[in-house]
Protein backbone atom coordinates (compact mmCIF):
# COMPACT_ATOMS: atom_id res chain seq x y z
CA MET A 1 13.90 12.62 16.46
CA THR A 2 16.41 10.39 14.64
CA ASP A 3 17.30 8.40 17.76
CA ARG A 4 13.63 7.82 18.56
CA ALA A 5 12.88 6.74 15.00
CA VAL A 6 15.81 4.32 14.87
CA SER A 7 14.93 2.88 18.29
CA LEU A 8 11.37 2.15 17.16
CA LEU A 9 12.58 0.73 13.85
CA ARG A 10 14.83 -1.70 15.74
CA ARG A 11 11.74 -2.69 17.71
CA GLY A 12 10.11 -3.68 14.43
CA TRP A 13 7.97 -0.60 13.79
CA SER A 14 7.62 0.70 10.24
CA VAL A 15 8.43 4.35 10.94
CA VAL A 16 8.14 7.18 8.42
CA PRO A 17 8.71 10.96 8.46
CA VAL A 18 5.57 13.09 8.70
CA HIS A 19 4.82 16.67 7.72
CA VAL A 20 4.63 19.27 10.51
CA PRO A 21 2.18 22.11 11.14
CA VAL A 22 3.73 25.54 10.63
CA MET A 23 2.24 28.95 11.37
CA GLY A 24 -0.83 27.53 13.06
CA ASP A 25 -2.85 25.22 10.84
CA VAL A 26 -0.62 25.48 7.74
CA CYS A 27 1.04 22.22 6.73
CA SER A 28 4.68 21.95 5.70
CA CYS A 29 3.50 20.23 2.49
CA GLY A 30 2.58 23.69 1.19
CA ASN A 31 -0.92 22.66 0.12
CA ASP A 32 -4.29 23.51 1.63
CA CYS A 33 -4.47 19.93 2.86
CA SER A 34 -6.95 18.22 5.12
CA TRP A 35 -4.32 16.77 7.47
CA PRO A 36 -1.82 19.50 8.44
CA GLY A 37 1.06 17.82 10.24
CA LYS A 38 -0.55 14.40 9.98
CA HIS A 39 0.47 12.84 6.66
CA PRO A 40 3.75 11.18 5.62
CA ARG A 41 6.47 13.05 3.76
CA VAL A 42 7.30 9.97 1.68
CA ALA A 43 5.43 7.56 -0.56
CA TRP A 44 4.59 5.16 2.25
CA GLN A 45 2.79 2.36 0.41
CA PRO A 46 5.98 0.21 0.33
CA PHE A 47 6.25 0.51 4.11
CA THR A 48 2.87 -1.15 4.63
CA GLU A 49 4.62 -4.31 3.43
CA ALA A 50 8.21 -4.00 4.67
CA LEU A 51 10.26 -1.88 7.07
CA PRO A 52 12.50 0.90 5.79
CA SER A 53 16.22 0.36 6.24
CA GLU A 54 18.03 1.93 9.17
CA SER A 55 20.20 4.01 6.83
CA GLN A 56 17.06 5.27 5.11
CA VAL A 57 15.49 6.32 8.41
CA ILE A 58 18.67 8.10 9.51
CA ASP A 59 18.86 9.97 6.21
CA TRP A 60 15.20 11.00 6.46
CA PHE A 61 15.42 12.46 9.94
CA ASP A 62 19.00 13.76 9.88
CA ASN A 63 19.03 15.20 6.37
CA GLU A 64 16.21 15.03 3.83
CA PHE A 65 13.33 15.78 6.22
CA TYR A 66 15.12 17.24 9.22
CA GLY A 67 12.59 18.49 11.77
CA ALA A 68 9.83 16.19 10.53
CA ASN A 69 7.17 14.69 12.75
CA LEU A 70 7.35 10.94 13.38
CA GLY A 71 4.75 8.36 12.40
CA VAL A 72 4.28 4.60 12.20
CA VAL A 73 2.44 2.41 9.72
CA THR A 74 0.05 0.17 11.65
CA GLY A 75 -1.05 -3.38 10.94
CA GLN A 76 0.84 -6.60 10.38
CA VAL A 77 4.02 -4.90 9.13
CA SER A 78 4.61 -3.38 12.60
CA ASP A 79 2.53 -5.87 14.62
CA LEU A 80 0.46 -2.90 15.78
CA VAL A 81 -3.21 -2.14 16.12
CA VAL A 82 -4.12 1.27 17.53
CA VAL A 83 -7.48 2.09 19.05
CA ASP A 84 -7.99 5.80 18.31
CA VAL A 85 -10.38 7.39 20.81
CA ASP A 86 -11.59 10.90 20.07
CA GLY A 87 -13.55 11.12 23.33
CA THR A 88 -12.82 10.26 26.95
CA ILE A 89 -11.11 7.43 28.80
CA ASP A 90 -14.57 6.21 29.76
CA ASP A 91 -15.36 5.73 26.06
CA PHE A 92 -12.34 3.46 25.85
CA LYS A 93 -13.18 1.59 29.05
CA ALA A 94 -16.60 0.78 27.60
CA LEU A 95 -14.84 -1.40 25.01
CA GLY A 96 -13.59 -3.73 27.73
CA LEU A 97 -10.05 -3.80 26.35
CA PRO A 98 -7.02 -4.24 28.63
CA ARG A 99 -4.61 -1.52 29.71
CA THR A 100 -1.71 -0.96 27.34
CA ARG A 101 0.77 1.70 26.23
CA THR A 102 -1.13 4.91 25.58
CA VAL A 103 -0.57 8.23 23.82
CA LEU A 104 -2.31 11.52 24.54
CA THR A 105 -2.68 13.24 21.18
CA GLY A 106 -2.20 16.96 20.74
CA GLY A 107 -5.92 17.20 20.03
CA GLY A 108 -6.93 15.73 23.39
CA GLY A 109 -7.71 12.21 22.18
CA TYR A 110 -6.02 8.92 22.98
CA HIS A 111 -4.18 6.23 21.05
CA PHE A 112 -4.05 2.77 22.66
CA PHE A 113 -1.32 0.56 21.17
CA TYR A 114 -1.72 -3.23 21.00
CA ARG A 115 0.15 -6.19 19.57
CA THR A 116 -1.83 -8.91 17.79
CA GLY A 117 0.86 -11.39 16.78
CA ARG A 118 0.53 -10.02 13.23
CA GLN A 119 -3.07 -11.17 12.85
CA PRO A 120 -4.88 -9.48 9.94
CA ALA A 121 -7.14 -6.66 11.11
CA SER A 122 -8.95 -3.97 9.14
CA SER A 123 -8.74 -0.26 9.80
CA GLY A 124 -12.06 1.50 10.16
CA ILE A 125 -13.63 4.81 11.09
CA GLY A 126 -16.47 5.08 13.57
CA VAL A 127 -16.45 1.40 14.52
CA THR A 128 -18.23 2.75 17.57
CA PRO A 129 -19.04 6.46 18.04
CA GLY A 130 -15.82 8.47 18.32
CA ILE A 131 -13.58 5.42 18.00
CA ASP A 132 -11.47 4.42 15.00
CA ILE A 133 -9.24 1.40 14.49
CA LYS A 134 -5.82 1.83 12.87
CA ALA A 135 -4.65 -1.54 11.61
CA ASP A 136 -3.69 -2.90 8.16
CA GLY A 137 -3.20 0.03 5.81
CA GLY A 138 -3.44 2.52 8.66
CA PHE A 139 -1.08 5.09 10.08
CA VAL A 140 -0.69 7.16 13.26
CA VAL A 141 1.50 10.05 14.38
CA LEU A 142 3.84 9.33 17.30
CA PRO A 143 5.28 11.34 20.22
CA PRO A 144 6.89 13.80 20.44
CA SER A 145 5.41 15.08 17.18
CA LYS A 146 3.77 18.49 17.07
CA HIS A 147 0.00 18.73 16.64
CA VAL A 148 -1.77 21.53 14.78
CA SER A 149 -3.05 22.72 18.19
CA GLY A 150 0.53 23.64 19.11
CA LEU A 151 0.68 20.83 21.66
CA HIS A 152 2.74 17.68 21.30
CA TYR A 153 1.81 14.02 21.25
CA GLU A 154 3.02 12.38 24.47
CA TRP A 155 3.20 8.93 26.03
CA LEU A 156 0.93 8.70 29.07
CA ASN A 157 2.66 5.55 30.27
CA HIS A 158 5.46 3.22 29.28
CA ASP A 159 3.61 -0.05 29.78
CA LYS A 160 4.51 -2.98 27.59
CA LEU A 161 2.26 -3.30 24.58
CA THR A 162 -0.51 -5.70 25.53
CA LYS A 163 -1.11 -8.56 23.11
CA ILE A 164 -4.76 -9.14 22.24
CA ASP A 165 -6.67 -11.29 19.81
CA VAL A 166 -8.29 -9.29 17.01
CA SER A 167 -11.62 -10.88 17.92
CA ARG A 168 -11.64 -8.56 20.95
CA LEU A 169 -11.61 -5.48 18.74
CA PRO A 170 -14.89 -3.91 17.61
CA ALA A 171 -16.44 -6.36 15.16
CA ARG A 172 -15.75 -4.36 12.00
CA ALA A 173 -11.99 -4.52 12.52
CA ALA A 174 -11.52 -8.29 12.64
CA ARG A 175 -11.02 -10.18 9.39
CA THR A 176 -9.59 -13.50 8.30
CA ALA A 177 -6.16 -14.08 6.85
CA SER A 178 -7.73 -15.31 3.62
CA SER A 179 -9.65 -12.09 3.04
CA GLY A 180 -6.81 -10.57 1.04
CA GLY A 181 -5.49 -12.00 -2.17
CA LYS A 182 -2.30 -12.61 -4.10
CA TRP A 183 -3.48 -10.11 -6.72
CA ILE A 184 -3.02 -7.27 -4.22
CA ASP A 185 0.66 -8.12 -3.69
CA GLU A 186 1.20 -8.32 -7.45
CA LEU A 187 -0.35 -4.90 -8.11
CA LEU A 188 1.18 -2.90 -5.27
CA ASP A 189 4.48 -2.53 -7.13
CA GLY A 190 2.71 -0.31 -9.67
CA VAL A 191 1.26 -0.95 -13.12
CA SER A 192 1.69 0.42 -16.61
CA GLU A 193 -0.52 2.67 -18.70
CA GLY A 194 -3.72 0.89 -19.66
CA GLU A 195 -3.99 -0.87 -16.30
CA ARG A 196 -3.90 2.12 -13.96
CA SER A 197 -7.60 3.06 -13.84
CA SER A 198 -8.92 -0.47 -13.43
CA THR A 199 -6.27 -1.29 -10.84
CA SER A 200 -6.92 1.86 -8.80
CA ALA A 201 -10.63 1.04 -8.80
CA ARG A 202 -9.93 -2.52 -7.73
CA LEU A 203 -7.63 -1.46 -4.90
CA ALA A 204 -10.00 1.29 -3.74
CA GLY A 205 -12.83 -1.23 -3.67
CA ARG A 206 -10.74 -3.62 -1.64
CA TYR A 207 -9.77 -0.92 0.84
CA ALA A 208 -13.37 0.21 1.20
CA GLN A 209 -14.47 -3.38 1.72
CA ILE A 210 -12.05 -4.05 4.58
CA GLY A 211 -13.03 -0.82 6.31
CA LEU A 212 -10.33 1.73 5.47
CA THR A 213 -11.46 5.31 5.74
CA ILE A 214 -11.51 7.46 2.63
CA ASP A 215 -8.61 9.53 3.98
CA GLU A 216 -6.53 6.36 4.40
CA THR A 217 -7.45 5.14 0.92
CA VAL A 218 -6.52 8.49 -0.61
CA MET A 219 -3.14 8.47 1.14
CA LEU A 220 -2.42 4.84 0.21
CA LEU A 221 -3.41 5.18 -3.43
CA SER A 222 -1.67 8.54 -3.83
CA SER A 223 1.50 6.82 -2.63
CA TRP A 224 0.90 3.74 -4.81
CA ASN A 225 0.23 5.98 -7.82
CA THR A 226 3.81 7.27 -7.73
CA LEU A 227 4.96 3.72 -8.61
CA ASN A 228 2.87 3.58 -11.78
CA ASN A 229 4.40 4.17 -15.21
CA PRO A 230 3.29 6.86 -15.72
CA PRO A 231 1.23 7.92 -12.67
CA LEU A 232 -2.44 8.84 -13.07
CA SER A 233 -3.37 12.49 -12.70
CA LEU A 234 -4.75 13.31 -9.26
CA ARG A 235 -7.96 14.36 -10.99
CA GLU A 236 -8.46 10.88 -12.46
CA LEU A 237 -7.38 9.10 -9.29
CA GLY A 238 -9.77 11.22 -7.22
CA ALA A 239 -12.66 10.54 -9.58
CA THR A 240 -12.01 6.80 -9.38
CA ILE A 241 -11.92 6.71 -5.58
CA SER A 242 -15.03 8.88 -5.37
CA SER A 243 -16.92 6.56 -7.73
CA VAL A 244 -15.89 3.46 -5.79
CA TYR A 245 -16.87 4.88 -2.42
CA LYS A 246 -20.20 6.12 -3.76
CA ARG A 247 -20.91 2.55 -4.82
CA HIS A 248 -20.06 1.25 -1.37
CA ARG A 249 -22.13 4.02 0.19
CA SER A 250 -25.16 2.89 -1.80
CA ARG A 251 -24.72 -0.55 -0.24
CA ASN A 252 -24.58 1.03 3.22
CA GLU A 253 -20.97 -0.09 3.59
CA ILE A 254 -19.59 3.36 4.48
CA GLN A 255 -20.87 6.52 6.04
CA VAL A 256 -22.62 8.93 3.69
CA SER A 257 -20.59 11.95 4.74
CA THR A 258 -17.26 10.48 3.70
CA VAL A 259 -17.95 10.80 -0.02
CA ASP A 260 -18.52 14.52 0.36
CA GLU A 261 -15.31 14.79 2.38
CA LEU A 262 -13.42 13.09 -0.45
CA ALA A 263 -14.85 15.45 -3.04
CA GLU A 264 -13.76 18.42 -0.93
CA LEU A 265 -10.29 16.97 -0.49
CA PHE A 266 -9.67 16.45 -4.18
CA SER A 267 -11.15 19.86 -4.98
CA ASP A 268 -8.41 21.31 -2.76
CA ILE A 269 -5.72 19.26 -4.50
CA ILE A 270 -6.94 20.02 -8.01
CA GLY A 271 -7.32 23.68 -7.10
CA LYS A 272 -3.57 23.75 -6.48
CA GLY A 273 -2.98 22.57 -10.04
CA LEU A 274 -1.35 19.31 -8.98
CA THR A 275 -2.62 17.30 -11.94
């Protein structure tokens, strides 16, 4: 896996090690998590902004996390947008997007990889039925990683990545370069006690606004939280994210079910005593 990871890094992809499923649907993280074999083994917030070093990647896959699955952070950092199709090829064809390099996931879905010239694009769940967009702040697992089904992710072709304009993506994914803000960059390095709760709420609100799923927001803010001095408890972080997404739900900005999914997720985490 090291050679594959280094090769992709040299191509400009922000690669990270990912947990693996063990003994069926048990995750190597050791928790009763919602994403067995699908979430990074490292605090990956920094790698949404800059690539890891080659020596760091080699150490991850040769030593610290030997045997890990392989993943990539999507969005401008890797010049990648992935159209995640949970259904059939026909569902993808209905979008009218061009052919590009494609992965068959271990769960029977498809990942279609595109370049955008580093245009800003929002991640989003259910942009059309059964189709998600993985872009800024997003993350996908790469071949030949092992899926919880026991199957492996695999490349269906080795086409060049097609470059598309983000305006061709489902409408919810496209956004303007000015939609971010300098304040985000200033806060992502972590904050001190007294600023943590307000900052986590502000970041969660921003992520909800640009279309990140709750799962993606939880993963991003859990990673960001490790940079705070000191970090928030997972209980407080979970309560903040839940409150923010409930507010967005009331404005019809996210799907109703996702708030309940978040509550279940943090119940699992808190139940493990990780506070």
